[in-house]
Structure formats: structure tokens, C-alpha cells
Amino acid sequence: MLSDLGYRLTGSSDLYQYDGRKPYASINFMTAHDGFTLCDLVSYNNKHNEANGDENRDGTDNNDSWNMGAEGPTDDPAINTMRERQMRNLLTTLMLSQGVPMINGGDEFARSQQGNNNCYCQDNELTWFNWNPDERRKRLLEFTCKLVHLRLAHPNLHRREFFQDREIRMKGDGTQLGSSGM
């Protein structure tokens, strides 16, 4: 699994390189519209789709999530600190990986669907965005913005060629030259 992770972090050359595709053919994501939000990924072990009217049978049971010791919201400061750290870790991994990062809308400020991983039929607080985030959510948004700026500022974080243990050659204006054997 470790070598697979290494390939994914570096643009999935094992999948794309040999048919002429580039690192940006790899779309990287931690969460998507049909599953847990990032906040729920670190807050729930199990789906909570009761509100969907299908007796919690809809949506996947395989969420690859960890609640850090409490299912759903908690007042435990240690658990909340771990959850915040894990969200930052996951966003950092995503933004420092080669390929195109995809951030699910709301993950940048810890939007939750209260453990519902299949909200397609909801038009209420479960799927709405809270445009007045609390301080904790504002901090995550600021952190995410810094990650985006970091990624944009460093050519090695958005390479047009796969890694081959060589430096990126730069033009005098700071833009990347062609492949040059990279």
C-alpha cells in the first residue's frame, strides 16, 4: 500500500506516464459529493442516513473514516483538536500531491452533513452551506487558502512532467521550461 500511496502522491505515473498522459491527468480528492464531507470523515465511523427515509440502508457502509473516539459532534477539546489536525493533514496531503486537487465544496471550512453520506434527497440544513462560519471553521478556511497559495507559488507542486529525480529548469521569468528530459 505504501508504494501505491507514493504513486498517487506523485501523479500516478504508473497509470498515466506510458500512454503519454501527464501528471495533471490525475484528479486527486479526499471526499466527493457522494460520501462523507471532510469534517464527517474525521467525525463519524458510521453513516447516519436516517433522514433519507430508507432506514439507513442507502449510501455506502465503507467510508474509510475515523471519529477519533466520539461519534459526531463532541465537547471534548482533545478530540476536536485531533479532528482539526487531521483535516489539515488531509488537505495538506491533497494540495502537495501532483495532479489536479479536487476539494469538495465546503470541505475548506469543515462543512458537515451530520454523518449523512448520501444527502441527494435533502434540501435542508444537511446540505445547505453556513456562510457565517465560527472561528474554528474560519481558521480552516484560512489554512486552506494558504495551501492553495503555496501550491501556486511552487512549480514542483504542479509539475507538467513526472518526477525523474531531476531539477525543474526555469526560464528567467520564473516559468517552467519544456520537458527537458524530466
C-alpha atoms as a PDB file:
ATOM      1  CA  MET A   1       0.000   0.000   0.000  1.00  0.00           C
ATOM      2  CA  LEU A   2       2.849   2.406   0.708  1.00  0.00           C
ATOM      3  CA  SER A   3       4.147   2.215  -2.867  1.00  0.00           C
ATOM      4  CA  ASP A   4       0.606   2.797  -4.150  1.00  0.00           C
ATOM      5  CA  LEU A   5       0.349   5.908  -1.968  1.00  0.00           C
ATOM      6  CA  GLY A   6       3.704   7.093  -3.303  1.00  0.00           C
ATOM      7  CA  TYR A   7       2.473   6.721  -6.875  1.00  0.00           C
ATOM      8  CA  ARG A   8      -0.730   8.634  -6.099  1.00  0.00           C
ATOM      9  CA  LEU A   9       1.134  11.467  -4.360  1.00  0.00           C
ATOM     10  CA  THR A  10       3.415  11.858  -7.366  1.00  0.00           C
ATOM     11  CA  GLY A  11       0.732  11.971 -10.059  1.00  0.00           C
ATOM     12  CA  SER A  12       0.082   8.264 -10.707  1.00  0.00           C
ATOM     13  CA  SER A  13       2.826   7.754 -13.271  1.00  0.00           C
ATOM     14  CA  ASP A  14       2.121   4.012 -13.130  1.00  0.00           C
ATOM     15  CA  LEU A  15      -1.298   4.726 -14.648  1.00  0.00           C
ATOM     16  CA  TYR A  16      -0.628   7.667 -16.973  1.00  0.00           C
ATOM     17  CA  GLN A  17       3.016   8.005 -17.995  1.00  0.00           C
ATOM     18  CA  TYR A  18       3.241   5.189 -20.520  1.00  0.00           C
ATOM     19  CA  ASP A  19       0.358   6.305 -22.715  1.00  0.00           C
ATOM     20  CA  GLY A  20       1.558   9.890 -22.989  1.00  0.00           C
ATOM     21  CA  ARG A  21      -0.615  11.479 -20.302  1.00  0.00           C
ATOM     22  CA  LYS A  22       0.848  13.950 -17.828  1.00  0.00           C
ATOM     23  CA  PRO A  23       0.584  14.306 -14.030  1.00  0.00           C
ATOM     24  CA  TYR A  24      -2.401  16.607 -14.463  1.00  0.00           C
ATOM     25  CA  ALA A  25      -4.393  13.632 -15.816  1.00  0.00           C
ATOM     26  CA  SER A  26      -4.585  12.529 -12.165  1.00  0.00           C
ATOM     27  CA  ILE A  27      -7.539  14.025 -10.285  1.00  0.00           C
ATOM     28  CA  ASN A  28      -6.872  13.811  -6.545  1.00  0.00           C
ATOM     29  CA  PHE A  29      -9.535  14.029  -3.863  1.00  0.00           C
ATOM     30  CA  MET A  30     -10.241  13.004  -0.289  1.00  0.00           C
ATOM     31  CA  THR A  31     -14.025  13.388  -0.434  1.00  0.00           C
ATOM     32  CA  ALA A  32     -16.644  13.780  -3.156  1.00  0.00           C
ATOM     33  CA  HIS A  33     -20.310  14.695  -3.431  1.00  0.00           C
ATOM     34  CA  ASP A  34     -21.438  11.120  -2.833  1.00  0.00           C
ATOM     35  CA  GLY A  35     -19.904  10.350   0.531  1.00  0.00           C
ATOM     36  CA  PHE A  36     -18.799  11.950   3.759  1.00  0.00           C
ATOM     37  CA  THR A  37     -17.631  15.537   3.861  1.00  0.00           C
ATOM     38  CA  LEU A  38     -14.093  16.062   5.163  1.00  0.00           C
ATOM     39  CA  CYS A  39     -15.461  17.089   8.558  1.00  0.00           C
ATOM     40  CA  ASP A  40     -17.630  13.976   8.716  1.00  0.00           C
ATOM     41  CA  LEU A  41     -14.711  11.794   7.589  1.00  0.00           C
ATOM     42  CA  VAL A  42     -12.957  12.647  10.871  1.00  0.00           C
ATOM     43  CA  SER A  43     -16.145  12.789  12.995  1.00  0.00           C
ATOM     44  CA  TYR A  44     -18.115   9.638  12.197  1.00  0.00           C
ATOM     45  CA  ASN A  45     -17.291   5.936  11.989  1.00  0.00           C
ATOM     46  CA  ASN A  46     -20.706   5.063  10.563  1.00  0.00           C
ATOM     47  CA  LYS A  47     -23.194   6.683   8.208  1.00  0.00           C
ATOM     48  CA  HIS A  48     -26.274   8.357   9.678  1.00  0.00           C
ATOM     49  CA  ASN A  49     -28.722   8.460   6.772  1.00  0.00           C
ATOM     50  CA  GLU A  50     -31.913   8.025   8.793  1.00  0.00           C
ATOM     51  CA  ALA A  51     -33.332  11.324   7.496  1.00  0.00           C
ATOM     52  CA  ASN A  52     -33.323   9.959   3.937  1.00  0.00           C
ATOM     53  CA  GLY A  53     -36.329   7.726   4.682  1.00  0.00           C
ATOM     54  CA  ASP A  54     -34.681   4.429   3.702  1.00  0.00           C
ATOM     55  CA  GLU A  55     -33.966   3.140   7.226  1.00  0.00           C
ATOM     56  CA  ASN A  56     -30.241   3.982   6.874  1.00  0.00           C
ATOM     57  CA  ARG A  57     -29.830   1.388   4.078  1.00  0.00           C
ATOM     58  CA  ASP A  58     -28.801   3.900   1.399  1.00  0.00           C
ATOM     59  CA  GLY A  59     -25.264   5.194   0.929  1.00  0.00           C
ATOM     60  CA  THR A  60     -22.095   3.201   1.302  1.00  0.00           C
ATOM     61  CA  ASP A  61     -21.111   1.474   4.532  1.00  0.00           C
ATOM     62  CA  ASN A  62     -17.412   1.713   3.567  1.00  0.00           C
ATOM     63  CA  ASN A  63     -16.445   5.274   4.490  1.00  0.00           C
ATOM     64  CA  ASP A  64     -12.771   4.781   5.476  1.00  0.00           C
ATOM     65  CA  SER A  65     -13.462   7.202   8.315  1.00  0.00           C
ATOM     66  CA  TRP A  66     -12.442   7.530  11.947  1.00  0.00           C
ATOM     67  CA  ASN A  67     -14.318   9.526  14.591  1.00  0.00           C
ATOM     68  CA  MET A  68     -11.299   9.796  16.939  1.00  0.00           C
ATOM     69  CA  GLY A  69     -13.246   8.441  19.889  1.00  0.00           C
ATOM     70  CA  ALA A  70     -16.658  10.137  19.696  1.00  0.00           C
ATOM     71  CA  GLU A  71     -19.381   9.651  17.089  1.00  0.00           C
ATOM     72  CA  GLY A  72     -20.433  13.054  15.752  1.00  0.00           C
ATOM     73  CA  PRO A  73     -20.100  16.443  17.444  1.00  0.00           C
ATOM     74  CA  THR A  74     -18.393  16.479  20.829  1.00  0.00           C
ATOM     75  CA  ASP A  75     -17.368  18.961  23.504  1.00  0.00           C
ATOM     76  CA  ASP A  76     -14.154  17.023  24.162  1.00  0.00           C
ATOM     77  CA  PRO A  77     -11.360  19.525  23.368  1.00  0.00           C
ATOM     78  CA  ALA A  78      -8.767  16.783  22.773  1.00  0.00           C
ATOM     79  CA  ILE A  79     -10.938  15.061  20.164  1.00  0.00           C
ATOM     80  CA  ASN A  80     -11.808  18.359  18.481  1.00  0.00           C
ATOM     81  CA  THR A  81      -8.113  19.266  18.328  1.00  0.00           C
ATOM     82  CA  MET A  82      -7.291  15.894  16.745  1.00  0.00           C
ATOM     83  CA  ARG A  83     -10.094  16.310  14.213  1.00  0.00           C
ATOM     84  CA  GLU A  84      -8.904  19.784  13.230  1.00  0.00           C
ATOM     85  CA  ARG A  85      -5.345  18.495  12.864  1.00  0.00           C
ATOM     86  CA  GLN A  86      -6.456  15.545  10.757  1.00  0.00           C
ATOM     87  CA  MET A  87      -8.461  17.800   8.410  1.00  0.00           C
ATOM     88  CA  ARG A  88      -5.364  19.992   7.969  1.00  0.00           C
ATOM     89  CA  ASN A  89      -3.237  16.855   7.366  1.00  0.00           C
ATOM     90  CA  LEU A  90      -5.623  15.573   4.701  1.00  0.00           C
ATOM     91  CA  LEU A  91      -5.900  18.951   2.959  1.00  0.00           C
ATOM     92  CA  THR A  92      -2.112  19.336   3.035  1.00  0.00           C
ATOM     93  CA  THR A  93      -1.599  15.881   1.543  1.00  0.00           C
ATOM     94  CA  LEU A  94      -4.075  16.708  -1.198  1.00  0.00           C
ATOM     95  CA  MET A  95      -2.567  20.099  -2.038  1.00  0.00           C
ATOM     96  CA  LEU A  96       1.049  18.871  -2.002  1.00  0.00           C
ATOM     97  CA  SER A  97       0.301  15.918  -4.304  1.00  0.00           C
ATOM     98  CA  GLN A  98       0.937  16.000  -8.042  1.00  0.00           C
ATOM     99  CA  GLY A  99      -2.128  16.079 -10.252  1.00  0.00           C
ATOM    100  CA  VAL A 100      -5.244  18.201 -10.026  1.00  0.00           C
ATOM    101  CA  PRO A 101      -6.618  18.644  -6.493  1.00  0.00           C
ATOM    102  CA  MET A 102     -10.388  18.477  -6.103  1.00  0.00           C
ATOM    103  CA  ILE A 103     -11.803  19.892  -2.887  1.00  0.00           C
ATOM    104  CA  ASN A 104     -15.439  19.064  -2.194  1.00  0.00           C
ATOM    105  CA  GLY A 105     -17.409  22.278  -1.702  1.00  0.00           C
ATOM    106  CA  GLY A 106     -17.467  23.187   1.966  1.00  0.00           C
ATOM    107  CA  ASP A 107     -14.535  20.995   2.994  1.00  0.00           C
ATOM    108  CA  GLU A 108     -12.364  24.105   3.114  1.00  0.00           C
ATOM    109  CA  PHE A 109     -14.369  25.300   6.132  1.00  0.00           C
ATOM    110  CA  ALA A 110     -15.418  21.980   7.711  1.00  0.00           C
ATOM    111  CA  ARG A 111     -18.998  21.731   6.446  1.00  0.00           C
ATOM    112  CA  SER A 112     -20.785  18.746   7.954  1.00  0.00           C
ATOM    113  CA  GLN A 113     -23.752  16.708   6.766  1.00  0.00           C
ATOM    114  CA  GLN A 114     -24.097  15.243  10.289  1.00  0.00           C
ATOM    115  CA  GLY A 115     -22.822  11.853   9.160  1.00  0.00           C
ATOM    116  CA  ASN A 116     -25.188  11.538   6.205  1.00  0.00           C
ATOM    117  CA  ASN A 117     -23.147  10.218   3.277  1.00  0.00           C
ATOM    118  CA  ASN A 118     -25.985  10.222   0.731  1.00  0.00           C
ATOM    119  CA  CYS A 119     -27.763  13.585   1.009  1.00  0.00           C
ATOM    120  CA  TYR A 120     -29.091  13.653  -2.569  1.00  0.00           C
ATOM    121  CA  CYS A 121     -32.699  13.859  -1.326  1.00  0.00           C
ATOM    122  CA  GLN A 122     -32.145  16.573   1.289  1.00  0.00           C
ATOM    123  CA  ASP A 123     -32.910  20.276   0.833  1.00  0.00           C
ATOM    124  CA  ASN A 124     -32.355  21.448   4.381  1.00  0.00           C
ATOM    125  CA  GLU A 125     -29.570  22.130   6.917  1.00  0.00           C
ATOM    126  CA  LEU A 126     -27.863  18.847   5.993  1.00  0.00           C
ATOM    127  CA  THR A 127     -26.887  20.150   2.555  1.00  0.00           C
ATOM    128  CA  TRP A 128     -27.002  23.915   2.973  1.00  0.00           C
ATOM    129  CA  PHE A 129     -23.826  25.931   3.461  1.00  0.00           C
ATOM    130  CA  ASN A 130     -23.454  28.082   6.574  1.00  0.00           C
ATOM    131  CA  TRP A 131     -21.947  31.292   5.227  1.00  0.00           C
ATOM    132  CA  ASN A 132     -21.255  32.569   8.757  1.00  0.00           C
ATOM    133  CA  PRO A 133     -18.623  30.093   9.969  1.00  0.00           C
ATOM    134  CA  ASP A 134     -17.407  30.074  13.556  1.00  0.00           C
ATOM    135  CA  GLU A 135     -13.758  30.813  14.430  1.00  0.00           C
ATOM    136  CA  ARG A 136     -12.671  27.174  14.102  1.00  0.00           C
ATOM    137  CA  ARG A 137     -14.066  26.973  10.578  1.00  0.00           C
ATOM    138  CA  LYS A 138     -12.573  30.347   9.639  1.00  0.00           C
ATOM    139  CA  ARG A 139      -9.150  29.064  10.714  1.00  0.00           C
ATOM    140  CA  LEU A 140      -9.507  26.017   8.460  1.00  0.00           C
ATOM    141  CA  LEU A 141     -10.553  28.248   5.551  1.00  0.00           C
ATOM    142  CA  GLU A 142      -7.509  30.486   6.095  1.00  0.00           C
ATOM    143  CA  PHE A 143      -5.273  27.410   6.273  1.00  0.00           C
ATOM    144  CA  THR A 144      -6.744  26.058   3.020  1.00  0.00           C
ATOM    145  CA  CYS A 145      -6.173  29.425   1.305  1.00  0.00           C
ATOM    146  CA  LYS A 146      -2.530  29.336   2.405  1.00  0.00           C
ATOM    147  CA  LEU A 147      -2.182  25.830   0.957  1.00  0.00           C
ATOM    148  CA  VAL A 148      -3.599  26.984  -2.383  1.00  0.00           C
ATOM    149  CA  HIS A 149      -1.163  29.921  -2.481  1.00  0.00           C
ATOM    150  CA  LEU A 150       1.733  27.633  -1.548  1.00  0.00           C
ATOM    151  CA  ARG A 151       0.825  25.223  -4.338  1.00  0.00           C
ATOM    152  CA  LEU A 152       0.585  28.013  -6.901  1.00  0.00           C
ATOM    153  CA  ALA A 153       3.876  29.575  -5.802  1.00  0.00           C
ATOM    154  CA  HIS A 154       5.993  26.433  -6.157  1.00  0.00           C
ATOM    155  CA  PRO A 155       6.457  24.798  -9.593  1.00  0.00           C
ATOM    156  CA  ASN A 156       7.366  21.427  -8.057  1.00  0.00           C
ATOM    157  CA  LEU A 157       3.838  21.219  -6.671  1.00  0.00           C
ATOM    158  CA  HIS A 158       2.223  21.395 -10.115  1.00  0.00           C
ATOM    159  CA  ARG A 159       4.673  19.772 -12.490  1.00  0.00           C
ATOM    160  CA  ARG A 160       3.858  19.170 -16.137  1.00  0.00           C
ATOM    161  CA  GLU A 161       6.142  16.129 -16.244  1.00  0.00           C
ATOM    162  CA  PHE A 162       6.542  13.175 -13.899  1.00  0.00           C
ATOM    163  CA  PHE A 163       9.396  13.143 -11.383  1.00  0.00           C
ATOM    164  CA  GLN A 164      12.633  11.639 -12.651  1.00  0.00           C
ATOM    165  CA  ASP A 165      14.995  12.826  -9.924  1.00  0.00           C
ATOM    166  CA  ARG A 166      15.962  15.997 -11.769  1.00  0.00           C
ATOM    167  CA  GLU A 167      15.516  19.677 -11.049  1.00  0.00           C
ATOM    168  CA  ILE A 168      12.916  21.705 -12.890  1.00  0.00           C
ATOM    169  CA  ARG A 169      14.598  24.025 -15.346  1.00  0.00           C
ATOM    170  CA  MET A 170      13.253  27.537 -15.104  1.00  0.00           C
ATOM    171  CA  LYS A 171      13.218  30.468 -17.516  1.00  0.00           C
ATOM    172  CA  GLY A 172      14.499  33.813 -16.303  1.00  0.00           C
ATOM    173  CA  ASP A 173      10.921  34.969 -15.645  1.00  0.00           C
ATOM    174  CA  GLY A 174      10.302  32.041 -13.262  1.00  0.00           C
ATOM    175  CA  THR A 175       8.174  29.927 -15.579  1.00  0.00           C
ATOM    176  CA  GLN A 176       8.954  26.264 -16.219  1.00  0.00           C
ATOM    177  CA  LEU A 177      10.724  25.265 -19.414  1.00  0.00           C
ATOM    178  CA  GLY A 178       9.608  22.319 -21.542  1.00  0.00           C
ATOM    179  CA  SER A 179      10.113  18.708 -20.543  1.00  0.00           C
ATOM    180  CA  SER A 180      13.936  18.789 -20.899  1.00  0.00           C
ATOM    181  CA  GLY A 181      14.137  15.116 -20.133  1.00  0.00           C
ATOM    182  CA  MET A 182      12.253  15.339 -16.839  1.00  0.00           C
END
